[in-house]
Amino acid sequence: MTITETRTDDKILLSVEGRVDTNTSPELQDSILKGFQKANHVELDFEALDYISSAGLRALLLGHKTAASKGGSMVIKNVNEDVMEIFEDTGFSDVFEII
């Protein structure tokens, strides 16, 4: 997994490429939390994300809760069909803001 961070105005864009699983989810979680230390709005670009496991979903949930506690937002965009199916099957498509 590769995460590229870009800062624009008042938000952090994290472009995630590859697979988020048990081994890589701590890196995703760390990147999200560090993003919220720099800005109140974090956007995750999943265009190049192939797979996300339950460990990755936990990292996203922690990011979502961090956004709520800061009065900020976390948005997920460019989700492919396979990853969207995981979000839908787990009910997370109703929790996260996905555009």
N, C-alpha and C. Protein backbone atom coordinates (compact mmCIF):
# COMPACT_ATOMS: atom_id res chain seq x y z
N MET A 1 0.84 -1.17 0.00
CA MET A 1 0.00 0.00 0.00
C MET A 1 0.89 1.24 0.00
N THR A 2 0.44 2.23 -0.77
CA THR A 2 1.13 3.51 -0.83
C THR A 2 0.12 4.61 -0.53
N ILE A 3 0.50 5.56 0.31
CA ILE A 3 -0.35 6.70 0.62
C ILE A 3 0.41 7.97 0.26
N THR A 4 -0.22 8.80 -0.56
CA THR A 4 0.36 10.07 -0.95
C THR A 4 -0.49 11.18 -0.34
N GLU A 5 0.17 12.09 0.38
CA GLU A 5 -0.55 13.19 1.03
C GLU A 5 -0.36 14.48 0.27
N THR A 6 -1.47 15.20 0.06
CA THR A 6 -1.44 16.50 -0.57
C THR A 6 -2.27 17.45 0.28
N ARG A 7 -1.72 18.62 0.58
CA ARG A 7 -2.47 19.60 1.36
C ARG A 7 -2.95 20.70 0.42
N THR A 8 -4.25 20.98 0.50
CA THR A 8 -4.84 22.07 -0.28
C THR A 8 -5.74 22.88 0.64
N ASP A 9 -5.46 24.16 0.73
CA ASP A 9 -6.23 25.09 1.57
C ASP A 9 -6.44 24.51 2.96
N ASP A 10 -7.68 24.13 3.27
CA ASP A 10 -8.01 23.68 4.62
C ASP A 10 -8.26 22.18 4.70
N LYS A 11 -7.74 21.42 3.73
CA LYS A 11 -7.97 19.98 3.78
C LYS A 11 -6.71 19.21 3.39
N ILE A 12 -6.71 17.95 3.82
CA ILE A 12 -5.64 17.02 3.49
C ILE A 12 -6.24 15.96 2.56
N LEU A 13 -5.59 15.72 1.44
CA LEU A 13 -6.01 14.67 0.51
C LEU A 13 -5.03 13.52 0.66
N LEU A 14 -5.56 12.34 0.96
CA LEU A 14 -4.76 11.12 1.05
C LEU A 14 -5.15 10.20 -0.10
N SER A 15 -4.24 9.99 -1.02
CA SER A 15 -4.49 9.07 -2.14
C SER A 15 -3.91 7.72 -1.76
N VAL A 16 -4.78 6.72 -1.69
CA VAL A 16 -4.39 5.39 -1.21
C VAL A 16 -4.36 4.42 -2.39
N GLU A 17 -3.24 3.71 -2.52
CA GLU A 17 -3.06 2.78 -3.63
C GLU A 17 -2.70 1.40 -3.09
N GLY A 18 -3.30 0.37 -3.68
CA GLY A 18 -2.97 -1.01 -3.30
C GLY A 18 -4.04 -1.65 -2.45
N ARG A 19 -3.59 -2.33 -1.37
CA ARG A 19 -4.50 -3.09 -0.50
C ARG A 19 -4.34 -2.60 0.94
N VAL A 20 -5.48 -2.42 1.60
CA VAL A 20 -5.46 -2.12 3.03
C VAL A 20 -5.92 -3.39 3.75
N ASP A 21 -5.01 -3.98 4.51
CA ASP A 21 -5.31 -5.20 5.24
C ASP A 21 -4.74 -5.10 6.65
N THR A 22 -4.67 -6.20 7.35
CA THR A 22 -4.19 -6.21 8.73
C THR A 22 -2.78 -5.62 8.85
N ASN A 23 -1.95 -5.88 7.86
CA ASN A 23 -0.57 -5.40 7.90
C ASN A 23 -0.43 -3.92 7.59
N THR A 24 -1.29 -3.41 6.72
CA THR A 24 -1.14 -2.02 6.26
C THR A 24 -2.12 -1.05 6.91
N SER A 25 -3.15 -1.56 7.58
CA SER A 25 -4.14 -0.66 8.17
C SER A 25 -3.57 0.30 9.22
N PRO A 26 -2.56 -0.11 10.02
CA PRO A 26 -1.99 0.87 10.97
C PRO A 26 -1.40 2.09 10.26
N GLU A 27 -0.82 1.90 9.09
CA GLU A 27 -0.26 3.02 8.33
C GLU A 27 -1.38 3.95 7.85
N LEU A 28 -2.49 3.37 7.39
CA LEU A 28 -3.64 4.18 6.97
C LEU A 28 -4.19 4.96 8.15
N GLN A 29 -4.37 4.28 9.27
CA GLN A 29 -4.90 4.94 10.47
C GLN A 29 -3.99 6.09 10.89
N ASP A 30 -2.69 5.86 10.89
CA ASP A 30 -1.72 6.88 11.27
C ASP A 30 -1.79 8.08 10.32
N SER A 31 -1.91 7.82 9.03
CA SER A 31 -1.99 8.90 8.04
C SER A 31 -3.26 9.73 8.23
N ILE A 32 -4.37 9.06 8.52
CA ILE A 32 -5.64 9.78 8.74
C ILE A 32 -5.53 10.65 9.98
N LEU A 33 -5.04 10.09 11.08
CA LEU A 33 -4.94 10.85 12.33
C LEU A 33 -3.96 12.01 12.20
N LYS A 34 -2.84 11.80 11.52
CA LYS A 34 -1.89 12.90 11.28
C LYS A 34 -2.53 13.96 10.38
N GLY A 35 -3.36 13.53 9.44
CA GLY A 35 -4.07 14.49 8.59
C GLY A 35 -4.96 15.40 9.42
N PHE A 36 -5.65 14.83 10.40
CA PHE A 36 -6.52 15.62 11.26
C PHE A 36 -5.74 16.52 12.22
N GLN A 37 -4.46 16.26 12.42
CA GLN A 37 -3.63 17.16 13.21
C GLN A 37 -3.28 18.41 12.40
N LYS A 38 -3.34 18.30 11.07
CA LYS A 38 -2.97 19.41 10.19
C LYS A 38 -4.18 20.19 9.69
N ALA A 39 -5.34 19.53 9.61
CA ALA A 39 -6.54 20.16 9.05
C ALA A 39 -7.78 19.49 9.63
N ASN A 40 -8.92 20.17 9.52
CA ASN A 40 -10.17 19.60 10.02
C ASN A 40 -10.90 18.76 8.98
N HIS A 41 -10.41 18.77 7.76
CA HIS A 41 -11.07 18.05 6.68
C HIS A 41 -10.06 17.13 6.00
N VAL A 42 -10.40 15.84 5.97
CA VAL A 42 -9.54 14.85 5.32
C VAL A 42 -10.35 14.17 4.23
N GLU A 43 -9.75 14.11 3.05
CA GLU A 43 -10.38 13.47 1.91
C GLU A 43 -9.53 12.27 1.52
N LEU A 44 -10.16 11.13 1.35
CA LEU A 44 -9.46 9.91 0.96
C LEU A 44 -9.82 9.56 -0.48
N ASP A 45 -8.82 9.49 -1.33
CA ASP A 45 -9.03 9.13 -2.73
C ASP A 45 -8.70 7.65 -2.89
N PHE A 46 -9.73 6.85 -3.15
CA PHE A 46 -9.57 5.40 -3.26
C PHE A 46 -9.55 4.92 -4.71
N GLU A 47 -9.24 5.79 -5.64
CA GLU A 47 -9.25 5.41 -7.06
C GLU A 47 -8.34 4.21 -7.33
N ALA A 48 -7.20 4.15 -6.66
CA ALA A 48 -6.24 3.08 -6.90
C ALA A 48 -6.25 2.03 -5.78
N LEU A 49 -7.29 2.03 -4.95
CA LEU A 49 -7.39 1.04 -3.88
C LEU A 49 -8.05 -0.22 -4.42
N ASP A 50 -7.39 -1.35 -4.22
CA ASP A 50 -7.89 -2.63 -4.74
C ASP A 50 -8.76 -3.38 -3.74
N TYR A 51 -8.46 -3.22 -2.44
CA TYR A 51 -9.12 -4.04 -1.42
C TYR A 51 -9.00 -3.36 -0.07
N ILE A 52 -10.01 -3.53 0.78
CA ILE A 52 -9.94 -3.07 2.16
C ILE A 52 -10.53 -4.14 3.07
N SER A 53 -9.80 -4.48 4.12
CA SER A 53 -10.24 -5.52 5.06
C SER A 53 -10.97 -4.87 6.23
N SER A 54 -11.43 -5.71 7.16
CA SER A 54 -12.10 -5.19 8.35
C SER A 54 -11.16 -4.32 9.18
N ALA A 55 -9.88 -4.63 9.17
CA ALA A 55 -8.90 -3.79 9.88
C ALA A 55 -8.84 -2.40 9.25
N GLY A 56 -8.92 -2.35 7.94
CA GLY A 56 -8.95 -1.06 7.24
C GLY A 56 -10.22 -0.29 7.54
N LEU A 57 -11.34 -1.01 7.63
CA LEU A 57 -12.61 -0.36 7.98
C LEU A 57 -12.55 0.24 9.38
N ARG A 58 -11.87 -0.44 10.30
CA ARG A 58 -11.70 0.10 11.65
C ARG A 58 -10.90 1.39 11.62
N ALA A 59 -9.87 1.44 10.79
CA ALA A 59 -9.06 2.66 10.66
C ALA A 59 -9.92 3.80 10.13
N LEU A 60 -10.79 3.50 9.16
CA LEU A 60 -11.69 4.53 8.62
C LEU A 60 -12.69 4.98 9.66
N LEU A 61 -13.19 4.04 10.46
CA LEU A 61 -14.15 4.39 11.50
C LEU A 61 -13.52 5.31 12.54
N LEU A 62 -12.28 5.04 12.90
CA LEU A 62 -11.57 5.92 13.83
C LEU A 62 -11.41 7.32 13.23
N GLY A 63 -11.11 7.38 11.94
CA GLY A 63 -11.02 8.67 11.27
C GLY A 63 -12.34 9.41 11.27
N HIS A 64 -13.42 8.67 11.03
CA HIS A 64 -14.76 9.25 11.03
C HIS A 64 -15.09 9.83 12.41
N LYS A 65 -14.77 9.10 13.46
CA LYS A 65 -15.03 9.56 14.82
C LYS A 65 -14.15 10.76 15.17
N THR A 66 -12.91 10.75 14.69
CA THR A 66 -12.01 11.89 14.92
C THR A 66 -12.56 13.14 14.25
N ALA A 67 -13.05 12.99 13.03
CA ALA A 67 -13.65 14.13 12.32
C ALA A 67 -14.81 14.70 13.10
N ALA A 68 -15.68 13.83 13.60
CA ALA A 68 -16.85 14.28 14.35
C ALA A 68 -16.43 15.01 15.62
N SER A 69 -15.42 14.51 16.31
CA SER A 69 -14.99 15.14 17.56
C SER A 69 -14.34 16.50 17.33
N LYS A 70 -13.77 16.71 16.13
CA LYS A 70 -13.13 17.98 15.80
C LYS A 70 -14.07 18.95 15.09
N GLY A 71 -15.28 18.49 14.82
CA GLY A 71 -16.18 19.32 14.03
C GLY A 71 -15.74 19.42 12.58
N GLY A 72 -15.02 18.42 12.13
CA GLY A 72 -14.52 18.41 10.75
C GLY A 72 -15.26 17.39 9.90
N SER A 73 -14.59 16.92 8.86
CA SER A 73 -15.23 15.95 7.98
C SER A 73 -14.18 15.01 7.39
N MET A 74 -14.65 13.83 7.04
CA MET A 74 -13.83 12.87 6.31
C MET A 74 -14.67 12.37 5.14
N VAL A 75 -14.16 12.53 3.95
CA VAL A 75 -14.87 12.16 2.73
C VAL A 75 -14.04 11.12 2.00
N ILE A 76 -14.73 10.13 1.45
CA ILE A 76 -14.08 9.10 0.65
C ILE A 76 -14.58 9.25 -0.78
N LYS A 77 -13.66 9.29 -1.74
CA LYS A 77 -14.08 9.47 -3.13
C LYS A 77 -13.40 8.46 -4.05
N ASN A 78 -13.96 8.35 -5.24
CA ASN A 78 -13.42 7.49 -6.30
C ASN A 78 -13.32 6.02 -5.87
N VAL A 79 -14.38 5.52 -5.27
CA VAL A 79 -14.39 4.13 -4.79
C VAL A 79 -14.81 3.21 -5.93
N ASN A 80 -14.00 2.18 -6.19
CA ASN A 80 -14.35 1.25 -7.26
C ASN A 80 -15.44 0.29 -6.80
N GLU A 81 -15.96 -0.50 -7.73
CA GLU A 81 -17.09 -1.39 -7.44
C GLU A 81 -16.78 -2.42 -6.37
N ASP A 82 -15.57 -3.00 -6.40
CA ASP A 82 -15.21 -4.04 -5.44
C ASP A 82 -15.17 -3.50 -4.01
N VAL A 83 -14.55 -2.34 -3.84
CA VAL A 83 -14.45 -1.74 -2.51
C VAL A 83 -15.83 -1.24 -2.07
N MET A 84 -16.61 -0.69 -2.99
CA MET A 84 -17.96 -0.22 -2.64
C MET A 84 -18.82 -1.40 -2.18
N GLU A 85 -18.64 -2.55 -2.79
CA GLU A 85 -19.39 -3.73 -2.37
C GLU A 85 -19.06 -4.09 -0.92
N ILE A 86 -17.80 -3.95 -0.53
CA ILE A 86 -17.41 -4.21 0.85
C ILE A 86 -18.09 -3.21 1.77
N PHE A 87 -18.09 -1.93 1.39
CA PHE A 87 -18.76 -0.90 2.19
C PHE A 87 -20.25 -1.21 2.33
N GLU A 88 -20.87 -1.62 1.25
CA GLU A 88 -22.31 -1.90 1.27
C GLU A 88 -22.62 -3.16 2.09
N ASP A 89 -21.82 -4.21 1.92
CA ASP A 89 -22.05 -5.46 2.65
C ASP A 89 -21.90 -5.28 4.16
N THR A 90 -21.03 -4.37 4.57
CA THR A 90 -20.78 -4.16 6.00
C THR A 90 -21.65 -3.05 6.59
N GLY A 91 -22.37 -2.33 5.74
CA GLY A 91 -23.19 -1.22 6.21
C GLY A 91 -22.43 0.09 6.35
N PHE A 92 -21.14 0.08 6.04
CA PHE A 92 -20.35 1.30 6.17
C PHE A 92 -20.67 2.33 5.09
N SER A 93 -21.33 1.91 4.02
CA SER A 93 -21.73 2.88 3.00
C SER A 93 -22.74 3.88 3.57
N ASP A 94 -23.43 3.50 4.65
CA ASP A 94 -24.38 4.40 5.31
C ASP A 94 -23.71 5.27 6.37
N VAL A 95 -22.49 4.90 6.77
CA VAL A 95 -21.78 5.61 7.82
C VAL A 95 -20.88 6.68 7.24
N PHE A 96 -20.11 6.33 6.21
CA PHE A 96 -19.14 7.25 5.64
C PHE A 96 -19.77 8.12 4.56
N GLU A 97 -19.18 9.31 4.39
CA GLU A 97 -19.58 10.16 3.27
C GLU A 97 -18.74 9.74 2.07
N ILE A 98 -19.41 9.12 1.09
CA ILE A 98 -18.74 8.61 -0.09
C ILE A 98 -19.26 9.37 -1.30
N ILE A 99 -18.32 9.99 -2.03
CA ILE A 99 -18.73 10.74 -3.23
C ILE A 99 -18.08 10.17 -4.46
